[in-house]
Amino acid sequence: MTDYVKEAKDMVANNRLFQFSASWCPDCVYARSIWNKYHVENQIHVFDIGSLDKEIQAKWRDAFEEVLGVRNLPTIVVDGKVWGTETRLHEVEDNGSLSDELTKMGFKL
């Protein structure tokens, strides 16, 4: 039996840059488009639950809520702490500071 909470903790702990995601989620697709646009998609670990059964997706969302305190998709994590969601990505993109923010997050542009 899968220990979803332990695996969620491990994923967050073992990946400096991490995104909890689902392929069916338009906001997740937007976040991934940012990684692709800046050619940093290989620098962030994206855990995508989109192809899993709905019951398993719910278990993962519950586990990440326990670990991170949020269950939003996408949730972007830097150094084990929630950085934000697509809303924050939109904010820094709209105000022209996205490149600087990605560098602060630890991406090598």
PDB file of N, CA and C in Angstrom:
ATOM      1  N   MET A   1       0.850  -1.191   0.000  1.00  0.00           N
ATOM      2  CA  MET A   1       0.000   0.000   0.000  1.00  0.00           C
ATOM      3  C   MET A   1       0.889   1.246   0.000  1.00  0.00           C
ATOM      4  N   THR A   2       0.535   2.188  -0.818  1.00  0.00           N
ATOM      5  CA  THR A   2       1.320   3.403  -0.961  1.00  0.00           C
ATOM      6  C   THR A   2       1.107   4.324   0.235  1.00  0.00           C
ATOM      7  N   ASP A   3       2.217   4.815   0.767  1.00  0.00           N
ATOM      8  CA  ASP A   3       2.161   5.833   1.812  1.00  0.00           C
ATOM      9  C   ASP A   3       2.294   7.181   1.105  1.00  0.00           C
ATOM     10  N   TYR A   4       1.169   7.741   0.708  1.00  0.00           N
ATOM     11  CA  TYR A   4       1.158   8.956  -0.101  1.00  0.00           C
ATOM     12  C   TYR A   4       1.826  10.129   0.605  1.00  0.00           C
ATOM     13  N   VAL A   5       1.600  10.272   1.900  1.00  0.00           N
ATOM     14  CA  VAL A   5       2.186  11.389   2.638  1.00  0.00           C
ATOM     15  C   VAL A   5       3.707  11.264   2.665  1.00  0.00           C
ATOM     16  N   LYS A   6       4.219  10.082   2.944  1.00  0.00           N
ATOM     17  CA  LYS A   6       5.665   9.878   2.965  1.00  0.00           C
ATOM     18  C   LYS A   6       6.264  10.157   1.589  1.00  0.00           C
ATOM     19  N   GLU A   7       5.620   9.656   0.539  1.00  0.00           N
ATOM     20  CA  GLU A   7       6.137   9.882  -0.812  1.00  0.00           C
ATOM     21  C   GLU A   7       6.073  11.357  -1.193  1.00  0.00           C
ATOM     22  N   ALA A   8       5.020  12.054  -0.785  1.00  0.00           N
ATOM     23  CA  ALA A   8       4.924  13.490  -1.059  1.00  0.00           C
ATOM     24  C   ALA A   8       6.047  14.233  -0.339  1.00  0.00           C
ATOM     25  N   LYS A   9       6.279  13.891   0.932  1.00  0.00           N
ATOM     26  CA  LYS A   9       7.381  14.513   1.691  1.00  0.00           C
ATOM     27  C   LYS A   9       8.712  14.271   1.000  1.00  0.00           C
ATOM     28  N   ASP A  10       8.928  13.037   0.557  1.00  0.00           N
ATOM     29  CA  ASP A  10      10.181  12.686  -0.107  1.00  0.00           C
ATOM     30  C   ASP A  10      10.360  13.467  -1.399  1.00  0.00           C
ATOM     31  N   MET A  11       9.305  13.584  -2.193  1.00  0.00           N
ATOM     32  CA  MET A  11       9.404  14.334  -3.452  1.00  0.00           C
ATOM     33  C   MET A  11       9.775  15.792  -3.193  1.00  0.00           C
ATOM     34  N   VAL A  12       9.135  16.383  -2.215  1.00  0.00           N
ATOM     35  CA  VAL A  12       9.412  17.783  -1.891  1.00  0.00           C
ATOM     36  C   VAL A  12      10.842  17.926  -1.360  1.00  0.00           C
ATOM     37  N   ALA A  13      11.249  17.009  -0.507  1.00  0.00           N
ATOM     38  CA  ALA A  13      12.584  17.082   0.100  1.00  0.00           C
ATOM     39  C   ALA A  13      13.699  16.823  -0.912  1.00  0.00           C
ATOM     40  N   ASN A  14      13.434  15.975  -1.887  1.00  0.00           N
ATOM     41  CA  ASN A  14      14.482  15.554  -2.817  1.00  0.00           C
ATOM     42  C   ASN A  14      14.548  16.353  -4.106  1.00  0.00           C
ATOM     43  N   ASN A  15      13.701  17.350  -4.239  1.00  0.00           N
ATOM     44  CA  ASN A  15      13.677  18.179  -5.452  1.00  0.00           C
ATOM     45  C   ASN A  15      13.628  19.642  -5.068  1.00  0.00           C
ATOM     46  N   ARG A  16      14.747  20.333  -5.280  1.00  0.00           N
ATOM     47  CA  ARG A  16      14.837  21.742  -4.904  1.00  0.00           C
ATOM     48  C   ARG A  16      13.722  22.568  -5.553  1.00  0.00           C
ATOM     49  N   LEU A  17      13.435  22.274  -6.809  1.00  0.00           N
ATOM     50  CA  LEU A  17      12.363  22.934  -7.550  1.00  0.00           C
ATOM     51  C   LEU A  17      11.353  21.860  -7.921  1.00  0.00           C
ATOM     52  N   PHE A  18      10.112  22.059  -7.513  1.00  0.00           N
ATOM     53  CA  PHE A  18       9.101  21.006  -7.632  1.00  0.00           C
ATOM     54  C   PHE A  18       7.755  21.625  -7.989  1.00  0.00           C
ATOM     55  N   GLN A  19       7.002  20.915  -8.843  1.00  0.00           N
ATOM     56  CA  GLN A  19       5.638  21.343  -9.162  1.00  0.00           C
ATOM     57  C   GLN A  19       4.700  20.158  -9.049  1.00  0.00           C
ATOM     58  N   PHE A  20       3.649  20.320  -8.258  1.00  0.00           N
ATOM     59  CA  PHE A  20       2.545  19.355  -8.163  1.00  0.00           C
ATOM     60  C   PHE A  20       1.557  19.768  -9.234  1.00  0.00           C
ATOM     61  N   SER A  21       1.214  18.847 -10.133  1.00  0.00           N
ATOM     62  CA  SER A  21       0.550  19.223 -11.368  1.00  0.00           C
ATOM     63  C   SER A  21      -0.426  18.159 -11.844  1.00  0.00           C
ATOM     64  N   ALA A  22      -1.247  18.524 -12.833  1.00  0.00           N
ATOM     65  CA  ALA A  22      -2.114  17.572 -13.528  1.00  0.00           C
ATOM     66  C   ALA A  22      -2.249  18.026 -14.981  1.00  0.00           C
ATOM     67  N   SER A  23      -2.101  17.096 -15.881  1.00  0.00           N
ATOM     68  CA  SER A  23      -2.130  17.418 -17.315  1.00  0.00           C
ATOM     69  C   SER A  23      -3.472  18.002 -17.762  1.00  0.00           C
ATOM     70  N   TRP A  24      -4.549  17.698 -17.058  1.00  0.00           N
ATOM     71  CA  TRP A  24      -5.879  18.200 -17.419  1.00  0.00           C
ATOM     72  C   TRP A  24      -6.150  19.601 -16.882  1.00  0.00           C
ATOM     73  N   CYS A  25      -5.229  20.128 -16.109  1.00  0.00           N
ATOM     74  CA  CYS A  25      -5.406  21.417 -15.437  1.00  0.00           C
ATOM     75  C   CYS A  25      -4.828  22.547 -16.296  1.00  0.00           C
ATOM     76  N   PRO A  26      -5.664  23.473 -16.797  1.00  0.00           N
ATOM     77  CA  PRO A  26      -5.165  24.564 -17.643  1.00  0.00           C
ATOM     78  C   PRO A  26      -4.101  25.423 -16.950  1.00  0.00           C
ATOM     79  N   ASP A  27      -4.241  25.646 -15.656  1.00  0.00           N
ATOM     80  CA  ASP A  27      -3.256  26.454 -14.937  1.00  0.00           C
ATOM     81  C   ASP A  27      -1.908  25.730 -14.856  1.00  0.00           C
ATOM     82  N   CYS A  28      -1.947  24.408 -14.755  1.00  0.00           N
ATOM     83  CA  CYS A  28      -0.717  23.613 -14.744  1.00  0.00           C
ATOM     84  C   CYS A  28      -0.037  23.669 -16.103  1.00  0.00           C
ATOM     85  N   VAL A  29      -0.846  23.599 -17.152  1.00  0.00           N
ATOM     86  CA  VAL A  29      -0.315  23.697 -18.517  1.00  0.00           C
ATOM     87  C   VAL A  29       0.366  25.053 -18.695  1.00  0.00           C
ATOM     88  N   TYR A  30      -0.246  26.113 -18.179  1.00  0.00           N
ATOM     89  CA  TYR A  30       0.366  27.442 -18.234  1.00  0.00           C
ATOM     90  C   TYR A  30       1.716  27.445 -17.517  1.00  0.00           C
ATOM     91  N   ALA A  31       1.779  26.895 -16.314  1.00  0.00           N
ATOM     92  CA  ALA A  31       3.036  26.877 -15.562  1.00  0.00           C
ATOM     93  C   ALA A  31       4.110  26.133 -16.353  1.00  0.00           C
ATOM     94  N   ARG A  32       3.746  25.005 -16.906  1.00  0.00           N
ATOM     95  CA  ARG A  32       4.713  24.228 -17.687  1.00  0.00           C
ATOM     96  C   ARG A  32       5.150  24.997 -18.928  1.00  0.00           C
ATOM     97  N   SER A  33       4.259  25.801 -19.487  1.00  0.00           N
ATOM     98  CA  SER A  33       4.641  26.602 -20.657  1.00  0.00           C
ATOM     99  C   SER A  33       5.701  27.640 -20.290  1.00  0.00           C
ATOM    100  N   ILE A  34       5.647  28.124 -19.048  1.00  0.00           N
ATOM    101  CA  ILE A  34       6.685  29.062 -18.580  1.00  0.00           C
ATOM    102  C   ILE A  34       8.027  28.346 -18.513  1.00  0.00           C
ATOM    103  N   TRP A  35       8.040  27.138 -17.942  1.00  0.00           N
ATOM    104  CA  TRP A  35       9.315  26.396 -17.861  1.00  0.00           C
ATOM    105  C   TRP A  35       9.873  26.161 -19.268  1.00  0.00           C
ATOM    106  N   ASN A  36       8.991  25.821 -20.212  1.00  0.00           N
ATOM    107  CA  ASN A  36       9.435  25.583 -21.584  1.00  0.00           C
ATOM    108  C   ASN A  36       9.912  26.869 -22.250  1.00  0.00           C
ATOM    109  N   LYS A  37       9.188  27.958 -22.037  1.00  0.00           N
ATOM    110  CA  LYS A  37       9.539  29.246 -22.647  1.00  0.00           C
ATOM    111  C   LYS A  37      10.937  29.686 -22.224  1.00  0.00           C
ATOM    112  N   TYR A  38      11.283  29.441 -20.969  1.00  0.00           N
ATOM    113  CA  TYR A  38      12.591  29.849 -20.445  1.00  0.00           C
ATOM    114  C   TYR A  38      13.617  28.714 -20.488  1.00  0.00           C
ATOM    115  N   HIS A  39      13.237  27.598 -21.102  1.00  0.00           N
ATOM    116  CA  HIS A  39      14.139  26.446 -21.277  1.00  0.00           C
ATOM    117  C   HIS A  39      14.683  25.927 -19.949  1.00  0.00           C
ATOM    118  N   VAL A  40      13.813  25.867 -18.951  1.00  0.00           N
ATOM    119  CA  VAL A  40      14.212  25.368 -17.627  1.00  0.00           C
ATOM    120  C   VAL A  40      13.407  24.134 -17.210  1.00  0.00           C
ATOM    121  N   GLU A  41      12.679  23.552 -18.161  1.00  0.00           N
ATOM    122  CA  GLU A  41      11.815  22.418 -17.842  1.00  0.00           C
ATOM    123  C   GLU A  41      12.591  21.241 -17.262  1.00  0.00           C
ATOM    124  N   ASN A  42      13.883  21.139 -17.583  1.00  0.00           N
ATOM    125  CA  ASN A  42      14.697  20.042 -17.031  1.00  0.00           C
ATOM    126  C   ASN A  42      15.261  20.371 -15.654  1.00  0.00           C
ATOM    127  N   GLN A  43      14.969  21.560 -15.135  1.00  0.00           N
ATOM    128  CA  GLN A  43      15.476  21.966 -13.824  1.00  0.00           C
ATOM    129  C   GLN A  43      14.425  21.820 -12.710  1.00  0.00           C
ATOM    130  N   ILE A  44      13.203  21.518 -13.080  1.00  0.00           N
ATOM    131  CA  ILE A  44      12.131  21.398 -12.095  1.00  0.00           C
ATOM    132  C   ILE A  44      11.507  20.010 -12.210  1.00  0.00           C
ATOM    133  N   HIS A  45      11.264  19.391 -11.079  1.00  0.00           N
ATOM    134  CA  HIS A  45      10.591  18.092 -11.079  1.00  0.00           C
ATOM    135  C   HIS A  45       9.090  18.348 -11.053  1.00  0.00           C
ATOM    136  N   VAL A  46       8.409  17.890 -12.098  1.00  0.00           N
ATOM    137  CA  VAL A  46       6.957  18.033 -12.178  1.00  0.00           C
ATOM    138  C   VAL A  46       6.333  16.676 -11.901  1.00  0.00           C
ATOM    139  N   PHE A  47       5.539  16.615 -10.840  1.00  0.00           N
ATOM    140  CA  PHE A  47       4.805  15.396 -10.515  1.00  0.00           C
ATOM    141  C   PHE A  47       3.385  15.586 -11.000  1.00  0.00           C
ATOM    142  N   ASP A  48       3.031  14.857 -12.065  1.00  0.00           N
ATOM    143  CA  ASP A  48       1.755  15.026 -12.744  1.00  0.00           C
ATOM    144  C   ASP A  48       0.826  13.861 -12.412  1.00  0.00           C
ATOM    145  N   ILE A  49      -0.311  14.192 -11.815  1.00  0.00           N
ATOM    146  CA  ILE A  49      -1.285  13.162 -11.436  1.00  0.00           C
ATOM    147  C   ILE A  49      -2.401  13.012 -12.468  1.00  0.00           C
ATOM    148  N   GLY A  50      -2.297  13.716 -13.572  1.00  0.00           N
ATOM    149  CA  GLY A  50      -3.374  13.780 -14.551  1.00  0.00           C
ATOM    150  C   GLY A  50      -3.825  12.462 -15.138  1.00  0.00           C
ATOM    151  N   SER A  51      -2.933  11.506 -15.263  1.00  0.00           N
ATOM    152  CA  SER A  51      -3.304  10.237 -15.892  1.00  0.00           C
ATOM    153  C   SER A  51      -3.760   9.179 -14.890  1.00  0.00           C
ATOM    154  N   LEU A  52      -3.772   9.534 -13.616  1.00  0.00           N
ATOM    155  CA  LEU A  52      -4.154   8.576 -12.575  1.00  0.00           C
ATOM    156  C   LEU A  52      -5.672   8.556 -12.377  1.00  0.00           C
ATOM    157  N   ASP A  53      -6.182   7.457 -11.817  1.00  0.00           N
ATOM    158  CA  ASP A  53      -7.602   7.373 -11.491  1.00  0.00           C
ATOM    159  C   ASP A  53      -7.966   8.504 -10.520  1.00  0.00           C
ATOM    160  N   LYS A  54      -9.189   8.970 -10.607  1.00  0.00           N
ATOM    161  CA  LYS A  54      -9.633  10.090  -9.755  1.00  0.00           C
ATOM    162  C   LYS A  54      -9.447   9.802  -8.273  1.00  0.00           C
ATOM    163  N   GLU A  55      -9.667   8.576  -7.854  1.00  0.00           N
ATOM    164  CA  GLU A  55      -9.490   8.217  -6.443  1.00  0.00           C
ATOM    165  C   GLU A  55      -8.019   8.382  -6.021  1.00  0.00           C
ATOM    166  N   ILE A  56      -7.112   7.985  -6.882  1.00  0.00           N
ATOM    167  CA  ILE A  56      -5.677   8.111  -6.588  1.00  0.00           C
ATOM    168  C   ILE A  56      -5.271   9.587  -6.641  1.00  0.00           C
ATOM    169  N   GLN A  57      -5.826  10.327  -7.591  1.00  0.00           N
ATOM    170  CA  GLN A  57      -5.546  11.771  -7.640  1.00  0.00           C
ATOM    171  C   GLN A  57      -5.944  12.421  -6.318  1.00  0.00           C
ATOM    172  N   ALA A  58      -7.101  12.058  -5.797  1.00  0.00           N
ATOM    173  CA  ALA A  58      -7.579  12.629  -4.528  1.00  0.00           C
ATOM    174  C   ALA A  58      -6.638  12.277  -3.387  1.00  0.00           C
ATOM    175  N   LYS A  59      -6.119  11.057  -3.377  1.00  0.00           N
ATOM    176  CA  LYS A  59      -5.178  10.657  -2.326  1.00  0.00           C
ATOM    177  C   LYS A  59      -3.902  11.488  -2.405  1.00  0.00           C
ATOM    178  N   TRP A  60      -3.406  11.730  -3.621  1.00  0.00           N
ATOM    179  CA  TRP A  60      -2.210  12.569  -3.760  1.00  0.00           C
ATOM    180  C   TRP A  60      -2.500  14.003  -3.324  1.00  0.00           C
ATOM    181  N   ARG A  61      -3.645  14.527  -3.709  1.00  0.00           N
ATOM    182  CA  ARG A  61      -3.979  15.903  -3.317  1.00  0.00           C
ATOM    183  C   ARG A  61      -4.099  16.016  -1.797  1.00  0.00           C
ATOM    184  N   ASP A  62      -4.703  15.024  -1.159  1.00  0.00           N
ATOM    185  CA  ASP A  62      -4.783  15.012   0.302  1.00  0.00           C
ATOM    186  C   ASP A  62      -3.382  14.961   0.915  1.00  0.00           C
ATOM    187  N   ALA A  63      -2.510  14.141   0.349  1.00  0.00           N
ATOM    188  CA  ALA A  63      -1.148  13.999   0.879  1.00  0.00           C
ATOM    189  C   ALA A  63      -0.378  15.313   0.749  1.00  0.00           C
ATOM    190  N   PHE A  64      -0.466  15.952  -0.414  1.00  0.00           N
ATOM    191  CA  PHE A  64       0.252  17.218  -0.581  1.00  0.00           C
ATOM    192  C   PHE A  64      -0.355  18.319   0.284  1.00  0.00           C
ATOM    193  N   GLU A  65      -1.647  18.255   0.521  1.00  0.00           N
ATOM    194  CA  GLU A  65      -2.254  19.223   1.435  1.00  0.00           C
ATOM    195  C   GLU A  65      -1.694  19.029   2.841  1.00  0.00           C
ATOM    196  N   GLU A  66      -1.521  17.792   3.258  1.00  0.00           N
ATOM    197  CA  GLU A  66      -0.952  17.535   4.581  1.00  0.00           C
ATOM    198  C   GLU A  66       0.501  18.000   4.663  1.00  0.00           C
ATOM    199  N   VAL A  67       1.257  17.772   3.609  1.00  0.00           N
ATOM    200  CA  VAL A  67       2.692  18.114   3.604  1.00  0.00           C
ATOM    201  C   VAL A  67       2.923  19.613   3.419  1.00  0.00           C
ATOM    202  N   LEU A  68       2.166  20.234   2.508  1.00  0.00           N
ATOM    203  CA  LEU A  68       2.430  21.624   2.134  1.00  0.00           C
ATOM    204  C   LEU A  68       1.402  22.623   2.655  1.00  0.00           C
ATOM    205  N   GLY A  69       0.261  22.121   3.092  1.00  0.00           N
ATOM    206  CA  GLY A  69      -0.787  23.009   3.578  1.00  0.00           C
ATOM    207  C   GLY A  69      -1.694  23.540   2.482  1.00  0.00           C
ATOM    208  N   VAL A  70      -1.475  23.098   1.247  1.00  0.00           N
ATOM    209  CA  VAL A  70      -2.326  23.499   0.116  1.00  0.00           C
ATOM    210  C   VAL A  70      -2.547  22.295  -0.782  1.00  0.00           C
ATOM    211  N   ARG A  71      -3.642  22.343  -1.545  1.00  0.00           N
ATOM    212  CA  ARG A  71      -3.913  21.263  -2.483  1.00  0.00           C
ATOM    213  C   ARG A  71      -4.130  21.794  -3.893  1.00  0.00           C
ATOM    214  N   ASN A  72      -3.780  23.069  -4.096  1.00  0.00           N
ATOM    215  CA  ASN A  72      -3.946  23.707  -5.395  1.00  0.00           C
ATOM    216  C   ASN A  72      -3.112  23.020  -6.461  1.00  0.00           C
ATOM    217  N   LEU A  73      -3.632  23.059  -7.660  1.00  0.00           N
ATOM    218  CA  LEU A  73      -2.886  22.635  -8.833  1.00  0.00           C
ATOM    219  C   LEU A  73      -2.771  23.841  -9.749  1.00  0.00           C
ATOM    220  N   PRO A  74      -1.583  24.218 -10.148  1.00  0.00           N
ATOM    221  CA  PRO A  74      -0.314  23.678  -9.697  1.00  0.00           C
ATOM    222  C   PRO A  74       0.113  24.310  -8.377  1.00  0.00           C
ATOM    223  N   THR A  75       0.923  23.594  -7.649  1.00  0.00           N
ATOM    224  CA  THR A  75       1.637  24.150  -6.507  1.00  0.00           C
ATOM    225  C   THR A  75       3.115  24.080  -6.847  1.00  0.00           C
ATOM    226  N   ILE A  76       3.772  25.216  -6.763  1.00  0.00           N
ATOM    227  CA  ILE A  76       5.195  25.311  -7.075  1.00  0.00           C
ATOM    228  C   ILE A  76       5.945  25.456  -5.763  1.00  0.00           C
ATOM    229  N   VAL A  77       6.950  24.600  -5.591  1.00  0.00           N
ATOM    230  CA  VAL A  77       7.689  24.524  -4.329  1.00  0.00           C
ATOM    231  C   VAL A  77       9.160  24.797  -4.617  1.00  0.00           C
ATOM    232  N   VAL A  78       9.753  25.646  -3.782  1.00  0.00           N
ATOM    233  CA  VAL A  78      11.181  25.956  -3.886  1.00  0.00           C
ATOM    234  C   VAL A  78      11.804  25.699  -2.524  1.00  0.00           C
ATOM    235  N   ASP A  79      12.825  24.871  -2.512  1.00  0.00           N
ATOM    236  CA  ASP A  79      13.531  24.546  -1.261  1.00  0.00           C
ATOM    237  C   ASP A  79      12.574  24.090  -0.157  1.00  0.00           C
ATOM    238  N   GLY A  80      11.590  23.276  -0.532  1.00  0.00           N
ATOM    239  CA  GLY A  80      10.683  22.693   0.448  1.00  0.00           C
ATOM    240  C   GLY A  80       9.560  23.588   0.917  1.00  0.00           C
ATOM    241  N   LYS A  81       9.470  24.808   0.384  1.00  0.00           N
ATOM    242  CA  LYS A  81       8.423  25.741   0.804  1.00  0.00           C
ATOM    243  C   LYS A  81       7.579  26.140  -0.408  1.00  0.00           C
ATOM    244  N   VAL A  82       6.299  26.322  -0.169  1.00  0.00           N
ATOM    245  CA  VAL A  82       5.415  26.724  -1.255  1.00  0.00           C
ATOM    246  C   VAL A  82       5.813  28.117  -1.726  1.00  0.00           C
ATOM    247  N   TRP A  83       6.146  28.213  -3.005  1.00  0.00           N
ATOM    248  CA  TRP A  83       6.458  29.498  -3.629  1.00  0.00           C
ATOM    249  C   TRP A  83       5.169  30.156  -4.094  1.00  0.00           C
ATOM    250  N   GLY A  84       4.262  29.344  -4.647  1.00  0.00           N
ATOM    251  CA  GLY A  84       3.003  29.883  -5.124  1.00  0.00           C
ATOM    252  C   GLY A  84       2.349  28.968  -6.139  1.00  0.00           C
ATOM    253  N   THR A  85       1.422  29.561  -6.877  1.00  0.00           N
ATOM    254  CA  THR A  85       0.676  28.845  -7.901  1.00  0.00           C
ATOM    255  C   THR A  85       0.815  29.615  -9.208  1.00  0.00           C
ATOM    256  N   GLU A  86      -0.016  29.264 -10.175  1.00  0.00           N
ATOM    257  CA  GLU A  86       0.008  29.996 -11.444  1.00  0.00           C
ATOM    258  C   GLU A  86      -0.338  31.467 -11.231  1.00  0.00           C
ATOM    259  N   THR A  87      -1.081  31.780 -10.182  1.00  0.00           N
ATOM    260  CA  THR A  87      -1.436  33.175  -9.906  1.00  0.00           C
ATOM    261  C   THR A  87      -0.177  34.004  -9.698  1.00  0.00           C
ATOM    262  N   ARG A  88       0.757  33.483  -8.933  1.00  0.00           N
ATOM    263  CA  ARG A  88       2.001  34.218  -8.695  1.00  0.00           C
ATOM    264  C   ARG A  88       2.830  34.281  -9.976  1.00  0.00           C
ATOM    265  N   LEU A  89       2.843  33.209 -10.749  1.00  0.00           N
ATOM    266  CA  LEU A  89       3.551  33.251 -12.037  1.00  0.00           C
ATOM    267  C   LEU A  89       2.977  34.358 -12.922  1.00  0.00           C
ATOM    268  N   HIS A  90       1.643  34.439 -12.997  1.00  0.00           N
ATOM    269  CA  HIS A  90       1.001  35.498 -13.794  1.00  0.00           C
ATOM    270  C   HIS A  90       1.396  36.876 -13.277  1.00  0.00           C
ATOM    271  N   GLU A  91       1.412  37.041 -11.957  1.00  0.00           N
ATOM    272  CA  GLU A  91       1.750  38.346 -11.371  1.00  0.00           C
ATOM    273  C   GLU A  91       3.151  38.787 -11.782  1.00  0.00           C
ATOM    274  N   VAL A  92       4.130  37.893 -11.636  1.00  0.00           N
ATOM    275  CA  VAL A  92       5.501  38.296 -11.969  1.00  0.00           C
ATOM    276  C   VAL A  92       5.697  38.412 -13.478  1.00  0.00           C
ATOM    277  N   GLU A  93       4.947  37.649 -14.249  1.00  0.00           N
ATOM    278  CA  GLU A  93       5.014  37.800 -15.704  1.00  0.00           C
ATOM    279  C   GLU A  93       4.414  39.145 -16.110  1.00  0.00           C
ATOM    280  N   ASP A  94       3.250  39.466 -15.542  1.00  0.00           N
ATOM    281  CA  ASP A  94       2.556  40.707 -15.898  1.00  0.00           C
ATOM    282  C   ASP A  94       3.331  41.954 -15.493  1.00  0.00           C
ATOM    283  N   ASN A  95       4.080  41.890 -14.377  1.00  0.00           N
ATOM    284  CA  ASN A  95       4.820  43.089 -13.958  1.00  0.00           C
ATOM    285  C   ASN A  95       6.238  43.127 -14.517  1.00  0.00           C
ATOM    286  N   GLY A  96       6.578  42.170 -15.381  1.00  0.00           N
ATOM    287  CA  GLY A  96       7.867  42.199 -16.066  1.00  0.00           C
ATOM    288  C   GLY A  96       9.036  41.650 -15.274  1.00  0.00           C
ATOM    289  N   SER A  97       8.772  41.008 -14.129  1.00  0.00           N
ATOM    290  CA  SER A  97       9.877  40.526 -13.296  1.00  0.00           C
ATOM    291  C   SER A  97      10.038  39.002 -13.316  1.00  0.00           C
ATOM    292  N   LEU A  98       9.418  38.332 -14.283  1.00  0.00           N
ATOM    293  CA  LEU A  98       9.446  36.869 -14.301  1.00  0.00           C
ATOM    294  C   LEU A  98      10.868  36.325 -14.405  1.00  0.00           C
ATOM    295  N   SER A  99      11.661  36.857 -15.303  1.00  0.00           N
ATOM    296  CA  SER A  99      13.031  36.367 -15.470  1.00  0.00           C
ATOM    297  C   SER A  99      13.825  36.508 -14.173  1.00  0.00           C
ATOM    298  N   ASP A 100      13.720  37.668 -13.543  1.00  0.00           N
ATOM    299  CA  ASP A 100      14.415  37.889 -12.269  1.00  0.00           C
ATOM    300  C   ASP A 100      13.904  36.934 -11.194  1.00  0.00           C
ATOM    301  N   GLU A 101      12.597  36.715 -11.155  1.00  0.00           N
ATOM    302  CA  GLU A 101      12.016  35.838 -10.141  1.00  0.00           C
ATOM    303  C   GLU A 101      12.466  34.392 -10.354  1.00  0.00           C
ATOM    304  N   LEU A 102      12.523  33.955 -11.597  1.00  0.00           N
ATOM    305  CA  LEU A 102      12.992  32.597 -11.881  1.00  0.00           C
ATOM    306  C   LEU A 102      14.434  32.419 -11.404  1.00  0.00           C
ATOM    307  N   THR A 103      15.253  33.436 -11.603  1.00  0.00           N
ATOM    308  CA  THR A 103      16.638  33.391 -11.130  1.00  0.00           C
ATOM    309  C   THR A 103      16.683  33.321  -9.609  1.00  0.00           C
ATOM    310  N   LYS A 104      15.859  34.122  -8.942  1.00  0.00           N
ATOM    311  CA  LYS A 104      15.790  34.085  -7.473  1.00  0.00           C
ATOM    312  C   LYS A 104      15.353  32.722  -6.973  1.00  0.00           C
ATOM    313  N   MET A 105      14.459  32.074  -7.712  1.00  0.00           N
ATOM    314  CA  MET A 105      13.965  30.751  -7.331  1.00  0.00           C
ATOM    315  C   MET A 105      15.064  29.695  -7.452  1.00  0.00           C
ATOM    316  N   GLY A 106      16.070  29.988  -8.258  1.00  0.00           N
ATOM    317  CA  GLY A 106      17.169  29.042  -8.422  1.00  0.00           C
ATOM    318  C   GLY A 106      17.303  28.456  -9.807  1.00  0.00           C
ATOM    319  N   PHE A 107      16.480  28.906 -10.734  1.00  0.00           N
ATOM    320  CA  PHE A 107      16.619  28.437 -12.108  1.00  0.00           C
ATOM    321  C   PHE A 107      17.845  29.066 -12.742  1.00  0.00           C
ATOM    322  N   LYS A 108      18.529  28.297 -13.562  1.00  0.00           N
ATOM    323  CA  LYS A 108      19.663  28.815 -14.333  1.00  0.00           C
ATOM    324  C   LYS A 108      19.149  29.125 -15.733  1.00  0.00           C
ATOM    325  N   LEU A 109      18.985  30.420 -15.999  1.00  0.00           N
ATOM    326  CA  LEU A 109      18.438  30.846 -17.296  1.00  0.00           C
ATOM    327  C   LEU A 109      19.546  30.963 -18.335  1.00  0.00           C
TER     328      LEU A 109
END
